[in-house]
Structures are given as structure tokens and as C-alpha cells.
Amino acid sequence: MHMTLTEAGMLVRGIFEDNGVRPSTSFSVAHALVQAEAAGQSGHGLRRVPAYVKQVRTGKVDGQAEPILSRPRPAVMSIDAAHGFAYPALDLAATELPAIVRDQGIAFAAIGRSHHAGVMALTVERFAEQGLIAMMFANAPAAMAPWGGKSPLFGTNPIAFAVPVANADPVVIDLALSKVARGKVMEAHQKGTSIPDDWALDIDGNPTTDAAAALKGTMAPSGGAKGAALALMVEILSAGLAGANFSYEASSLFDENGPPPELGHSIIAIDPDAANGGGTAMRMATLAEEMARQDGVRLPGRRGKGLRAEALSNGIEIEDDVLKAIEALR
């Protein structure tokens, strides 16, 4: 079905409110999922609604939770997501952290007892649009073995980064440390389609094209041993610093079974003017122009930004099976 972003947002928001989620949280979650869908990230978009709602119904996610903010140090913000969805906590960080960055030059936010961080490009981009540089780290339920192992220990553990560019959209980087985001494997499983044989390994450590076998096995790390090492780094920077569950301790984001996942996220934001007195955005424009001189080069983040702009003007297509699953949650 074709819908405008407003219509899709109202539909999803209503579903969450009908299932006992507080209105402000419903708005935050619906906005994040619809924007993910608009950006072409359907694995983090509307296909997540049924699992999210079922987790609210069983108490795996507290739909009435409100994030709690504290300032243990001048440049440090701590946010307890309180077993609620991640998006209200991320909204709080995006609202409150910039003022601290302007004052201190650099600031850090640690978010604990949280849930699925979604498309992190959408979070770091909000800082870059205010002239700040931002990095974000998040862990996820175990899906990737340490290098040389066969049992899941780390999550796909994404990293995101955004930097402002003078007179242009920010450069935004968002990547999972697995070969692909696990949401893409989940999407293939829901559609009953196969996956490329370099995305994941089965429980015996063999490459597989079967999405169901991949979900039971492990994701392949991006860049081999280097990707696995970076996943460890993200584990420390997110869960370790936030006092959250490590990936192997967290319950699944794909079903309603088990306790709250209690995942961790962290954001580092920098005011570039504090380091060099200004001019970073102009220097970035020069670098971006130089990159764009080469045929075939596309600046990171521009595709998603373009898709969202197109969706804002023309709406999005919601697949029939996704819409049916959402409407069944009323």
C-alpha cells in the first residue's frame, strides 16, 4: 500500500498507543521506524513493529518507561532508558547534549538498560545539522563470534559518524561490523528468500545461504579479524561504559521471550570550533568536492538522505505482508 510518511507515522503510532505505550514514546518510536523505512533501511523499519509490540505485551520492553538523565561530570551525560525503547533516550541525548558540547568542547553520553538503537545515522545526523561532529556506538544481542570462534559473543555492533559540510548535507557513515546488518537476514527470513553465502555462517561455522540457518548461527564479520576486533571495541565503548549487558548477556530483539535486553549505546559529540577556531565545515566541503571529482564516488549518507527526501515528497510503499502484520496488532 502507498502511504505518505505522515500516514505511516500515524498508523504505527496508533498501534503502539493501542498496546499501552505512552503517547510520547509511541511518537518517538513511530518516527524512527518510518524514517528508517524512508531511508531504504527496511530491516530497521516497519518490519520491526510486530516484534516491538509483542515485547511490550510481555513486558520485555516497558512501554510506559521514561528515560532518566543525570550529569555525573561536566562533560558526561548518563541516561537510563529504564527498559524502555531506545528512541526516547536517543531523543533526549540529541536534545540535551549539544549545549554541553558548546560549553565543554566535547561531551559524552552513555545510555544503559536500552533496546534496539535502530538506524544510527538518523541520530548522529542531528548533531551534524547543528554544526557538531558526532560518533555513536551500540551493541546488539550476540550474533557474531570472536575471530577463530564459532559461538556468538559480540553483536553486529554498529558504528555511526557524522560531520557537517558547509553549504551541503552532512557526511554520514553508518555501518555494522558484520558483513551486513542482521536485520537484512531477518528480512530475508520473513520473505522466505535466500541470502548471499558470504553474509553468515551456520552453527557449524560453514557459509550458508539459508536465512533461518544464519539466524541460528553467526554473522560473518566485516573485514575478517579486523571487524571482529572492532566489534570488541564497540562492545566496550557502548555496553562497557554504560554498565549495560554485553551482547552475549542480552536477550533477542526479534522475539518476545526472555528478560529486557538491557543494551548499551554511547555518543561522543565534538564542537569543531573548539579545536581549530572554526572552518572545519568549509574544509569538509573541500574534501567532499575532491572526492566527488572521481567518477562513481558517492559521499556517505547522501543516498539515505536522498531517499528520505523522495519519500517525504512521494510517500512510501508498504509491502502487503508487513501492513497485514501491523494491522493484526490492533
Protein backbone atom coordinates (compact mmCIF):
# COMPACT_ATOMS: atom_id res chain seq x y z
CA MET A 1 0.00 0.00 0.00
CA HIS A 2 1.16 3.51 -0.78
CA MET A 3 1.25 5.92 2.18
CA THR A 4 2.65 9.33 2.95
CA LEU A 5 5.18 9.46 5.77
CA THR A 6 2.58 11.21 7.92
CA GLU A 7 0.02 8.47 7.29
CA ALA A 8 2.56 5.74 8.03
CA GLY A 9 3.62 7.51 11.20
CA MET A 10 0.02 7.88 12.38
CA LEU A 11 -0.66 4.20 11.69
CA VAL A 12 2.38 2.98 13.63
CA ARG A 13 1.91 5.48 16.45
CA GLY A 14 -1.69 4.37 16.86
CA ILE A 15 -0.68 0.70 17.02
CA PHE A 16 1.75 1.38 19.85
CA GLU A 17 -0.72 3.53 21.77
CA ASP A 18 -3.38 0.82 21.36
CA ASN A 19 -0.91 -1.58 23.00
CA GLY A 20 -0.29 0.55 26.08
CA VAL A 21 2.76 2.57 25.01
CA ARG A 22 2.80 6.15 26.29
CA PRO A 23 1.94 8.70 23.55
CA SER A 24 5.31 10.48 23.58
CA THR A 25 7.16 7.17 23.26
CA SER A 26 4.79 5.98 20.53
CA PHE A 27 5.55 9.14 18.55
CA SER A 28 9.32 8.71 19.02
CA VAL A 29 9.31 5.04 18.00
CA ALA A 30 6.98 5.56 15.06
CA HIS A 31 9.05 8.45 13.74
CA ALA A 32 12.29 6.43 13.95
CA LEU A 33 10.82 3.38 12.23
CA VAL A 34 9.14 5.35 9.45
CA GLN A 35 12.30 7.38 8.80
CA ALA A 36 14.30 4.14 8.65
CA GLU A 37 11.82 2.79 6.10
CA ALA A 38 12.04 6.01 4.09
CA ALA A 39 15.84 5.80 4.09
CA GLY A 40 15.70 2.35 2.49
CA GLN A 41 16.60 0.55 5.73
CA SER A 42 13.56 -1.72 5.87
CA GLY A 43 15.33 -4.21 8.15
CA HIS A 44 15.26 -1.48 10.82
CA GLY A 45 11.91 -0.11 9.73
CA LEU A 46 8.29 -1.22 9.77
CA ARG A 47 9.15 -4.92 9.84
CA ARG A 48 10.21 -4.33 13.44
CA VAL A 49 6.73 -3.28 14.57
CA PRO A 50 5.30 -6.76 15.35
CA ALA A 51 8.31 -7.79 17.45
CA TYR A 52 8.35 -4.46 19.26
CA VAL A 53 4.65 -4.67 20.12
CA LYS A 54 4.87 -8.28 21.27
CA GLN A 55 7.76 -7.31 23.54
CA VAL A 56 5.63 -4.55 25.07
CA ARG A 57 2.83 -7.03 25.67
CA THR A 58 5.08 -9.44 27.55
CA GLY A 59 6.93 -6.73 29.47
CA LYS A 60 10.25 -7.30 27.74
CA VAL A 61 10.01 -3.61 26.89
CA ASP A 62 8.34 -1.15 29.27
CA GLY A 63 6.03 0.96 27.12
CA GLN A 64 5.50 3.41 29.98
CA ALA A 65 9.19 3.97 30.73
CA GLU A 66 10.70 7.44 30.63
CA PRO A 67 14.47 7.89 30.21
CA ILE A 68 16.26 9.31 33.25
CA LEU A 69 19.13 11.76 32.74
CA SER A 70 21.98 12.54 35.11
CA ARG A 71 25.23 14.56 34.85
CA PRO A 72 27.96 12.74 36.81
CA ARG A 73 30.67 15.03 35.34
CA PRO A 74 30.52 18.37 33.49
CA ALA A 75 31.06 16.78 30.07
CA VAL A 76 29.38 13.44 30.77
CA MET A 77 25.71 12.59 30.47
CA SER A 78 24.27 9.31 31.73
CA ILE A 79 20.84 8.19 30.53
CA ASP A 80 18.93 5.25 31.96
CA ALA A 81 16.50 4.03 29.28
CA ALA A 82 14.73 2.13 32.09
CA HIS A 83 13.97 -0.96 29.99
CA GLY A 84 12.07 1.19 27.51
CA PHE A 85 12.65 1.71 23.81
CA ALA A 86 15.94 3.32 22.82
CA TYR A 87 14.44 6.14 20.77
CA PRO A 88 13.19 8.37 23.62
CA ALA A 89 16.62 8.07 25.26
CA LEU A 90 18.33 8.93 21.96
CA ASP A 91 15.96 11.88 21.51
CA LEU A 92 16.90 13.08 24.99
CA ALA A 93 20.60 12.83 24.20
CA ALA A 94 20.17 14.68 20.90
CA THR A 95 18.25 17.43 22.69
CA GLU A 96 20.45 17.91 25.76
CA LEU A 97 23.98 17.01 24.67
CA PRO A 98 24.64 19.85 22.18
CA ALA A 99 24.50 22.55 24.89
CA ILE A 100 27.09 20.65 26.92
CA VAL A 101 29.29 20.31 23.84
CA ARG A 102 29.10 24.05 23.19
CA ASP A 103 30.22 24.68 26.75
CA GLN A 104 32.85 21.96 27.12
CA GLY A 105 34.05 21.49 23.54
CA ILE A 106 33.45 17.73 23.73
CA ALA A 107 30.87 15.64 25.58
CA PHE A 108 29.93 12.03 26.09
CA ALA A 109 26.55 10.38 26.61
CA ALA A 110 26.21 6.81 27.91
CA ILE A 111 22.81 5.12 27.57
CA GLY A 112 22.09 1.95 29.51
CA ARG A 113 19.23 -0.53 30.03
CA SER A 114 18.20 0.15 26.46
CA HIS A 115 16.83 -1.60 23.38
CA HIS A 116 17.34 -1.59 19.59
CA ALA A 117 19.29 1.53 18.53
CA GLY A 118 17.81 1.49 15.02
CA VAL A 119 19.37 3.43 12.14
CA MET A 120 22.09 5.32 13.98
CA ALA A 121 22.72 7.61 11.02
CA LEU A 122 19.46 9.32 11.94
CA THR A 123 20.84 10.11 15.40
CA VAL A 124 24.33 11.36 14.53
CA GLU A 125 22.96 13.40 11.63
CA ARG A 126 21.01 15.50 14.13
CA PHE A 127 24.27 16.67 15.69
CA ALA A 128 25.93 17.43 12.36
CA GLU A 129 22.96 19.57 11.36
CA GLN A 130 23.83 21.72 14.40
CA GLY A 131 27.44 22.09 13.31
CA LEU A 132 28.81 19.33 15.56
CA ILE A 133 30.77 16.16 14.87
CA ALA A 134 29.24 13.03 16.38
CA MET A 135 30.20 9.38 16.80
CA MET A 136 27.86 6.72 18.10
CA PHE A 137 28.46 3.14 19.19
CA ALA A 138 25.92 0.47 20.13
CA ASN A 139 25.98 -3.18 20.99
CA ALA A 140 23.33 -5.72 20.00
CA PRO A 141 22.42 -9.27 21.04
CA ALA A 142 25.15 -11.79 20.29
CA ALA A 143 25.29 -12.69 16.62
CA MET A 144 28.99 -12.78 15.76
CA ALA A 145 31.77 -14.99 17.06
CA PRO A 146 35.18 -13.64 18.08
CA TRP A 147 37.75 -14.31 15.37
CA GLY A 148 38.57 -18.02 15.32
CA GLY A 149 35.46 -18.99 17.30
CA LYS A 150 32.08 -20.44 16.30
CA SER A 151 29.75 -19.29 19.09
CA PRO A 152 28.09 -15.85 19.02
CA LEU A 153 29.64 -13.48 21.54
CA PHE A 154 29.52 -9.98 20.03
CA GLY A 155 26.61 -8.24 18.40
CA THR A 156 26.75 -6.77 14.92
CA ASN A 157 27.75 -3.68 16.95
CA PRO A 158 27.23 -0.74 14.60
CA ILE A 159 29.26 2.46 14.40
CA ALA A 160 27.93 5.79 13.10
CA PHE A 161 29.68 9.08 12.41
CA ALA A 162 28.54 12.45 11.07
CA VAL A 163 30.36 15.68 10.25
CA PRO A 164 28.91 18.96 8.92
CA VAL A 165 29.76 20.13 5.40
CA ALA A 166 29.47 23.80 4.53
CA ASN A 167 26.53 24.58 2.21
CA ALA A 168 25.69 20.88 1.81
CA ASP A 169 24.26 17.89 3.62
CA PRO A 170 26.48 16.30 6.29
CA VAL A 171 28.72 13.34 5.55
CA VAL A 172 27.19 10.44 7.48
CA ILE A 173 28.70 6.99 7.94
CA ASP A 174 26.66 4.15 9.44
CA LEU A 175 27.87 0.58 9.33
CA ALA A 176 27.51 -2.69 11.16
CA LEU A 177 30.68 -4.62 11.93
CA SER A 178 29.19 -7.74 10.48
CA LYS A 179 29.27 -8.17 6.70
CA VAL A 180 25.67 -6.89 6.67
CA ALA A 181 23.23 -5.82 9.37
CA ARG A 182 21.41 -8.75 10.97
CA GLY A 183 18.13 -7.03 10.16
CA LYS A 184 18.74 -7.88 6.49
CA VAL A 185 18.94 -11.57 7.36
CA MET A 186 15.76 -11.27 9.42
CA GLU A 187 14.05 -9.60 6.47
CA ALA A 188 15.15 -12.41 4.12
CA HIS A 189 13.84 -14.97 6.60
CA GLN A 190 10.47 -13.21 6.76
CA LYS A 191 10.28 -13.10 2.96
CA GLY A 192 11.43 -16.69 2.57
CA THR A 193 14.34 -15.71 0.33
CA SER A 194 17.95 -16.87 0.35
CA ILE A 195 20.95 -14.75 1.32
CA PRO A 196 24.44 -14.44 -0.26
CA ASP A 197 26.83 -17.08 1.04
CA ASP A 198 29.26 -14.55 2.49
CA TRP A 199 26.77 -12.93 4.90
CA ALA A 200 26.65 -15.56 7.64
CA LEU A 201 27.74 -18.95 8.95
CA ASP A 202 25.59 -21.80 10.23
CA ILE A 203 26.01 -23.35 13.71
CA ASP A 204 28.88 -25.49 12.39
CA GLY A 205 30.77 -22.46 11.12
CA ASN A 206 30.04 -23.09 7.45
CA PRO A 207 28.85 -20.40 4.99
CA THR A 208 25.10 -20.60 4.37
CA THR A 209 22.50 -19.14 2.01
CA ASP A 210 19.66 -20.18 4.34
CA ALA A 211 18.44 -17.19 6.36
CA ALA A 212 16.97 -19.44 9.07
CA ALA A 213 20.29 -21.26 9.48
CA ALA A 214 22.07 -17.91 9.55
CA LEU A 215 19.89 -16.64 12.39
CA LYS A 216 20.77 -19.76 14.38
CA GLY A 217 24.47 -19.44 13.54
CA THR A 218 26.72 -16.38 13.39
CA MET A 219 27.12 -13.32 11.21
CA ALA A 220 30.34 -13.01 9.22
CA PRO A 221 32.47 -10.08 10.45
CA SER A 222 33.23 -7.28 8.03
CA GLY A 223 36.93 -7.39 7.17
CA GLY A 224 37.57 -10.68 8.96
CA ALA A 225 39.73 -10.42 12.07
CA LYS A 226 39.73 -6.60 11.87
CA GLY A 227 35.95 -6.45 12.02
CA ALA A 228 35.85 -8.84 14.96
CA ALA A 229 38.39 -6.69 16.82
CA LEU A 230 36.36 -3.56 16.15
CA ALA A 231 33.25 -5.33 17.46
CA LEU A 232 35.11 -5.85 20.74
CA MET A 233 35.99 -2.16 20.80
CA VAL A 234 32.36 -1.17 20.30
CA GLU A 235 31.28 -3.63 22.98
CA ILE A 236 33.50 -1.78 25.46
CA LEU A 237 32.57 1.73 24.29
CA SER A 238 28.84 1.02 24.45
CA ALA A 239 27.90 -1.67 26.95
CA GLY A 240 31.10 -1.47 28.97
CA LEU A 241 30.89 2.27 29.60
CA ALA A 242 27.11 2.33 30.05
CA GLY A 243 27.08 -0.56 32.52
CA ALA A 244 24.77 -2.43 30.14
CA ASN A 245 24.57 -6.09 29.22
CA PHE A 246 27.31 -7.37 26.99
CA SER A 247 25.98 -8.82 23.75
CA TYR A 248 26.19 -12.42 24.95
CA GLU A 249 24.13 -11.48 28.03
CA ALA A 250 21.35 -9.74 26.08
CA SER A 251 18.08 -11.34 25.01
CA SER A 252 16.93 -11.26 21.38
CA LEU A 253 15.42 -8.18 19.75
CA PHE A 254 13.47 -10.37 17.34
CA ASP A 255 11.08 -12.10 19.75
CA GLU A 256 9.16 -11.52 22.96
CA ASN A 257 10.91 -14.19 25.01
CA GLY A 258 13.24 -13.56 27.94
CA PRO A 259 14.08 -10.52 30.05
CA PRO A 260 14.74 -6.98 28.76
CA PRO A 261 17.88 -6.92 26.57
CA GLU A 262 19.48 -4.05 28.56
CA LEU A 263 21.74 -2.96 25.70
CA GLY A 264 24.12 -0.01 25.74
CA HIS A 265 24.78 2.94 23.44
CA SER A 266 27.20 5.83 23.60
CA ILE A 267 27.56 9.12 21.79
CA ILE A 268 30.67 11.30 21.57
CA ALA A 269 29.97 14.80 20.29
CA ILE A 270 32.62 17.41 19.41
CA ASP A 271 32.39 21.11 18.68
CA PRO A 272 34.97 21.50 15.89
CA ASP A 273 35.29 25.22 16.59
CA ALA A 274 36.78 24.35 19.98
CA ALA A 275 39.71 22.63 18.30
CA ASN A 276 40.58 24.95 15.44
CA GLY A 277 38.59 28.14 15.89
CA GLY A 278 36.24 27.31 13.03
CA GLY A 279 36.50 26.31 9.43
CA THR A 280 36.00 22.55 9.75
CA ALA A 281 32.78 22.60 7.73
CA MET A 282 34.50 24.54 4.94
CA ARG A 283 37.43 22.15 4.97
CA MET A 284 34.98 19.27 4.78
CA ALA A 285 33.35 20.90 1.77
CA THR A 286 36.76 20.97 0.07
CA LEU A 287 37.34 17.30 0.87
CA ALA A 288 33.84 16.37 -0.30
CA GLU A 289 34.35 18.22 -3.58
CA GLU A 290 37.64 16.43 -4.14
CA MET A 291 36.00 13.05 -3.51
CA ALA A 292 33.14 13.87 -5.87
CA ARG A 293 35.57 14.65 -8.71
CA GLN A 294 36.10 10.93 -9.19
CA ASP A 295 33.52 9.12 -11.29
CA GLY A 296 31.45 6.64 -9.34
CA VAL A 297 32.16 8.16 -5.92
CA ARG A 298 29.13 8.85 -3.73
CA LEU A 299 29.55 10.64 -0.43
CA PRO A 300 28.47 8.54 2.56
CA GLY A 301 24.96 9.33 3.76
CA ARG A 302 23.75 11.02 0.59
CA ARG A 303 21.79 8.00 -0.68
CA GLY A 304 19.74 7.69 2.51
CA LYS A 305 19.19 11.44 2.66
CA GLY A 306 18.00 11.45 -0.94
CA LEU A 307 15.64 8.54 -0.39
CA ARG A 308 14.12 10.26 2.65
CA ALA A 309 13.60 13.47 0.66
CA GLU A 310 11.94 11.49 -2.11
CA ALA A 311 9.74 9.67 0.42
CA LEU A 312 8.74 12.97 2.00
CA SER A 313 7.51 14.18 -1.39
CA ASN A 314 6.11 10.96 -2.82
CA GLY A 315 5.42 8.65 0.14
CA ILE A 316 6.48 5.03 0.61
CA GLU A 317 5.23 1.61 -0.45
CA ILE A 318 4.48 -0.72 2.44
CA GLU A 319 4.55 -4.38 1.50
CA ASP A 320 1.27 -6.24 1.95
CA ASP A 321 2.65 -8.78 4.42
CA VAL A 322 4.15 -6.00 6.56
CA LEU A 323 0.93 -3.99 6.58
CA LYS A 324 -1.13 -7.08 7.39
CA ALA A 325 1.15 -7.98 10.31
CA ILE A 326 0.95 -4.43 11.67
CA GLU A 327 -2.81 -4.16 11.41
CA ALA A 328 -3.20 -7.51 13.17
CA LEU A 329 -1.72 -5.91 16.29
CA ARG A 330 -4.75 -3.71 16.96
